Amino acid sequence: MADRTVILTVVNGNWAKPASILDLFLESFQIGEGTKRLLNHLLIIAEDSQAFQYCNSKHPHCFQLKNFPKIQPRTPRNLMLSPSRVILLTQIVELGYHVAFTNADVMWLRNPLSKLVPDIELSIACELYLMDAETYGISGDGGFFHLKTNERTYQFMKNLNLKRVLYPDSEHQSLCKVSGNNGFIDLIRIKVSYFSEVNFGRLSAL
């Protein structure tokens, strides 16, 4: 991919086995509109050895998390920024790659990267609710975000890492709520865009 974008997802042994979420996820790339070519840019992160072994049997680009903070079970309707994911995302950003992070239960039936606005640095699919005629609130994560790598987004990731060190016992973070309530984003002037789950969501067409 010309713009150095890595598509990243995370699975464990429950999601990576025969007739599992991972099988449906990979099949969506095969049958989706203009998505098969994206498989070469998909990196699947395995949380355990069982998921890693199964991933290797289905996809050429798999990586097993080792020597990372233990990942706690995630709730089904939230994309959590666990400590290990923050570390991993920071390392990818340091290498100069843009990141499209997707939950494995999001079906890639179309190419969502073609819907991104070029000058937006952080694009997030969120569960939005109407507060008034012009304002939306955020109730949770929608399972997809795109982070464009530059100095501002690198500083954003370093800030998340600092919070991880300072508050090691805190709950996993919702990227939607972090971006909506983080004065640091305003300080470093990151441009953020939110997508509704109408077009970006789990088990729905992208």
Protein backbone atom coordinates (compact mmCIF):
# COMPACT_ATOMS: atom_id res chain seq x y z
CA MET A 1 0.00 0.00 0.00
CA ALA A 2 1.49 3.31 -1.12
CA ASP A 3 0.65 5.21 2.09
CA ARG A 4 2.33 2.65 4.42
CA THR A 5 -0.85 1.63 6.22
CA VAL A 6 -0.84 -1.50 8.39
CA ILE A 7 -4.25 -3.10 9.05
CA LEU A 8 -4.13 -4.52 12.56
CA THR A 9 -6.45 -6.81 14.51
CA VAL A 10 -6.13 -8.86 17.70
CA VAL A 11 -7.48 -12.38 18.34
CA ASN A 12 -7.27 -14.97 21.08
CA GLY A 13 -7.87 -18.72 21.15
CA ASN A 14 -11.66 -18.29 21.31
CA TRP A 15 -11.69 -16.13 18.17
CA ALA A 16 -9.05 -18.09 16.22
CA LYS A 17 -10.13 -21.69 15.68
CA PRO A 18 -12.09 -23.61 13.01
CA ALA A 19 -15.45 -21.97 12.14
CA SER A 20 -14.56 -18.95 14.28
CA ILE A 21 -14.71 -15.16 14.08
CA LEU A 22 -11.27 -15.12 12.45
CA ASP A 23 -12.51 -17.34 9.59
CA LEU A 24 -15.42 -14.98 8.92
CA PHE A 25 -13.11 -11.97 9.17
CA LEU A 26 -10.66 -13.34 6.60
CA GLU A 27 -13.48 -14.47 4.31
CA SER A 28 -14.89 -10.94 4.27
CA PHE A 29 -11.63 -9.71 2.72
CA GLN A 30 -11.85 -12.44 0.07
CA ILE A 31 -15.43 -11.67 -1.00
CA GLY A 32 -15.59 -7.95 -0.25
CA GLU A 33 -15.63 -5.21 -2.84
CA GLY A 34 -12.01 -4.21 -3.51
CA THR A 35 -10.75 -5.71 -0.24
CA LYS A 36 -8.84 -8.85 -1.30
CA ARG A 37 -5.70 -6.83 -2.08
CA LEU A 38 -5.74 -5.49 1.48
CA LEU A 39 -4.94 -8.94 2.92
CA ASN A 40 -1.25 -8.35 2.19
CA HIS A 41 -1.35 -5.39 4.61
CA LEU A 42 -3.25 -7.24 7.37
CA LEU A 43 -1.23 -8.10 10.48
CA ILE A 44 -3.05 -10.39 12.92
CA ILE A 45 -1.88 -10.18 16.53
CA ALA A 46 -2.36 -13.38 18.52
CA GLU A 47 -2.79 -13.08 22.29
CA ASP A 48 -1.86 -16.73 22.93
CA SER A 49 -0.08 -19.67 21.32
CA GLN A 50 -3.30 -21.38 20.21
CA ALA A 51 -4.42 -18.30 18.30
CA PHE A 52 -0.94 -17.89 16.81
CA GLN A 53 -0.82 -21.48 15.53
CA TYR A 54 -4.25 -21.24 13.96
CA CYS A 55 -3.50 -17.84 12.46
CA ASN A 56 -0.37 -19.21 10.78
CA SER A 57 -2.49 -21.89 9.12
CA LYS A 58 -4.83 -19.26 7.64
CA HIS A 59 -2.80 -16.10 6.99
CA PRO A 60 0.87 -15.27 6.19
CA HIS A 61 1.22 -12.28 8.53
CA CYS A 62 0.75 -13.30 12.18
CA PHE A 63 2.52 -12.09 15.32
CA GLN A 64 2.28 -13.45 18.85
CA LEU A 65 2.37 -11.02 21.77
CA LYS A 66 5.16 -11.95 24.16
CA ASN A 67 6.60 -10.09 27.15
CA PHE A 68 3.72 -7.60 27.06
CA PRO A 69 1.44 -6.69 29.98
CA LYS A 70 -1.34 -9.25 30.40
CA ILE A 71 -4.48 -8.34 28.47
CA GLN A 72 -7.67 -8.48 30.52
CA PRO A 73 -10.89 -9.81 28.93
CA ARG A 74 -12.59 -7.11 26.89
CA THR A 75 -16.28 -6.32 26.93
CA PRO A 76 -18.10 -7.26 23.69
CA ARG A 77 -19.23 -3.74 22.81
CA ASN A 78 -16.04 -1.80 23.53
CA LEU A 79 -12.73 -1.47 21.74
CA MET A 80 -10.36 -1.17 24.68
CA LEU A 81 -6.88 0.35 24.59
CA SER A 82 -5.22 -2.21 26.82
CA PRO A 83 -1.63 -1.55 27.99
CA SER A 84 -0.20 -4.09 25.53
CA ARG A 85 -2.07 -2.55 22.61
CA VAL A 86 -0.88 0.94 23.48
CA ILE A 87 2.72 -0.32 23.51
CA LEU A 88 2.27 -2.15 20.20
CA LEU A 89 0.58 0.80 18.48
CA THR A 90 3.32 3.14 19.68
CA GLN A 91 5.99 0.86 18.23
CA ILE A 92 4.23 0.76 14.85
CA VAL A 93 3.88 4.55 14.83
CA GLU A 94 7.58 4.89 15.71
CA LEU A 95 8.39 2.85 12.59
CA GLY A 96 6.51 5.40 10.48
CA TYR A 97 3.45 3.33 9.54
CA HIS A 98 -0.15 4.50 9.58
CA VAL A 99 -2.45 2.13 11.48
CA ALA A 100 -5.95 0.93 10.65
CA PHE A 101 -7.04 -0.94 13.81
CA THR A 102 -10.10 -3.14 13.43
CA ASN A 103 -11.89 -5.56 15.70
CA ALA A 104 -11.97 -9.02 14.16
CA ASP A 105 -15.77 -9.04 14.33
CA VAL A 106 -15.92 -6.14 11.85
CA MET A 107 -16.56 -7.55 8.37
CA TRP A 108 -14.57 -5.83 5.61
CA LEU A 109 -17.10 -6.02 2.78
CA ARG A 110 -15.87 -2.71 1.32
CA ASN A 111 -12.66 -0.74 1.70
CA PRO A 112 -13.11 1.73 4.59
CA LEU A 113 -9.75 3.37 3.89
CA SER A 114 -11.23 4.94 0.76
CA LYS A 115 -13.72 6.82 3.00
CA LEU A 116 -11.06 8.55 5.09
CA VAL A 117 -10.56 12.32 4.81
CA PRO A 118 -6.90 12.94 3.78
CA ASP A 119 -6.05 15.67 6.32
CA ILE A 120 -7.68 13.91 9.31
CA GLU A 121 -5.09 12.32 11.61
CA LEU A 122 -7.37 10.23 13.83
CA SER A 123 -10.55 8.73 12.36
CA ILE A 124 -12.70 6.66 14.72
CA ALA A 125 -15.88 4.63 14.40
CA CYS A 126 -17.91 5.42 17.51
CA GLU A 127 -21.38 4.76 18.86
CA LEU A 128 -22.90 8.23 18.62
CA TYR A 129 -26.14 9.57 20.06
CA LEU A 130 -27.87 12.83 19.22
CA MET A 131 -27.65 15.40 22.04
CA ASP A 132 -29.30 18.23 20.13
CA ALA A 133 -29.85 19.27 16.52
CA GLU A 134 -26.14 19.84 15.89
CA THR A 135 -24.23 17.97 18.61
CA TYR A 136 -23.49 14.28 19.10
CA GLY A 137 -22.34 12.50 22.24
CA ILE A 138 -20.26 9.32 22.42
CA SER A 139 -21.48 6.17 24.14
CA GLY A 140 -18.79 3.68 23.10
CA ASP A 141 -16.35 2.38 20.50
CA GLY A 142 -17.40 1.04 17.13
CA GLY A 143 -14.52 -1.35 16.50
CA PHE A 144 -12.43 0.60 13.95
CA PHE A 145 -9.98 3.49 13.92
CA HIS A 146 -7.30 4.88 11.61
CA LEU A 147 -4.26 6.71 12.94
CA LYS A 148 -2.11 8.70 10.52
CA THR A 149 1.51 8.77 11.66
CA ASN A 150 3.19 12.14 12.15
CA GLU A 151 4.81 14.04 15.02
CA ARG A 152 1.46 15.02 16.58
CA THR A 153 0.05 11.50 16.63
CA TYR A 154 3.38 10.20 17.94
CA GLN A 155 3.11 12.63 20.86
CA PHE A 156 -0.49 11.45 21.39
CA MET A 157 0.66 7.83 21.68
CA LYS A 158 3.49 8.82 24.04
CA ASN A 159 0.87 10.56 26.21
CA LEU A 160 -1.22 7.36 26.33
CA ASN A 161 1.90 5.41 27.29
CA LEU A 162 2.66 7.88 30.08
CA LYS A 163 -0.85 7.40 31.47
CA ARG A 164 -0.35 3.63 31.28
CA VAL A 165 2.79 3.95 33.45
CA LEU A 166 1.34 6.49 35.88
CA TYR A 167 -1.99 4.66 36.33
CA PRO A 168 -1.19 0.93 35.84
CA ASP A 169 -4.32 -0.22 37.68
CA SER A 170 -6.77 1.95 35.73
CA GLU A 171 -9.44 0.50 33.49
CA HIS A 172 -8.73 -0.04 29.80
CA GLN A 173 -9.44 3.09 27.83
CA SER A 174 -12.04 3.78 25.17
CA LEU A 175 -10.30 5.60 22.31
CA CYS A 176 -13.56 7.36 21.46
CA LYS A 177 -13.90 8.76 24.96
CA VAL A 178 -10.18 9.52 25.30
CA SER A 179 -10.27 11.58 22.11
CA GLY A 180 -13.49 13.32 23.10
CA ASN A 181 -12.35 14.33 26.59
CA ASN A 182 -8.58 14.74 26.26
CA GLY A 183 -7.29 18.31 26.43
CA PHE A 184 -3.92 17.01 25.22
CA ILE A 185 -5.46 16.45 21.78
CA ASP A 186 -6.46 20.11 21.64
CA LEU A 187 -2.99 21.12 22.84
CA ILE A 188 -1.12 19.25 20.10
CA ARG A 189 -3.86 20.04 17.54
CA ILE A 190 -4.68 16.57 16.25
CA LYS A 191 -7.54 16.58 13.74
CA VAL A 192 -10.16 14.00 14.78
CA SER A 193 -13.14 12.68 12.82
CA TYR A 194 -15.90 10.36 14.07
CA PHE A 195 -17.86 7.82 12.06
CA SER A 196 -21.27 6.48 12.96
CA GLU A 197 -21.73 2.71 13.17
CA VAL A 198 -24.21 3.05 10.28
CA ASN A 199 -21.22 2.71 7.95
CA PHE A 200 -18.45 1.53 10.30
CA GLY A 201 -19.47 -1.20 12.72
CA ARG A 202 -19.23 -4.82 13.77
CA LEU A 203 -20.55 -7.51 11.46
CA SER A 204 -21.82 -4.88 9.03
CA ALA A 205 -20.76 -3.64 5.62
CA LEU A 206 -17.96 -1.11 5.67
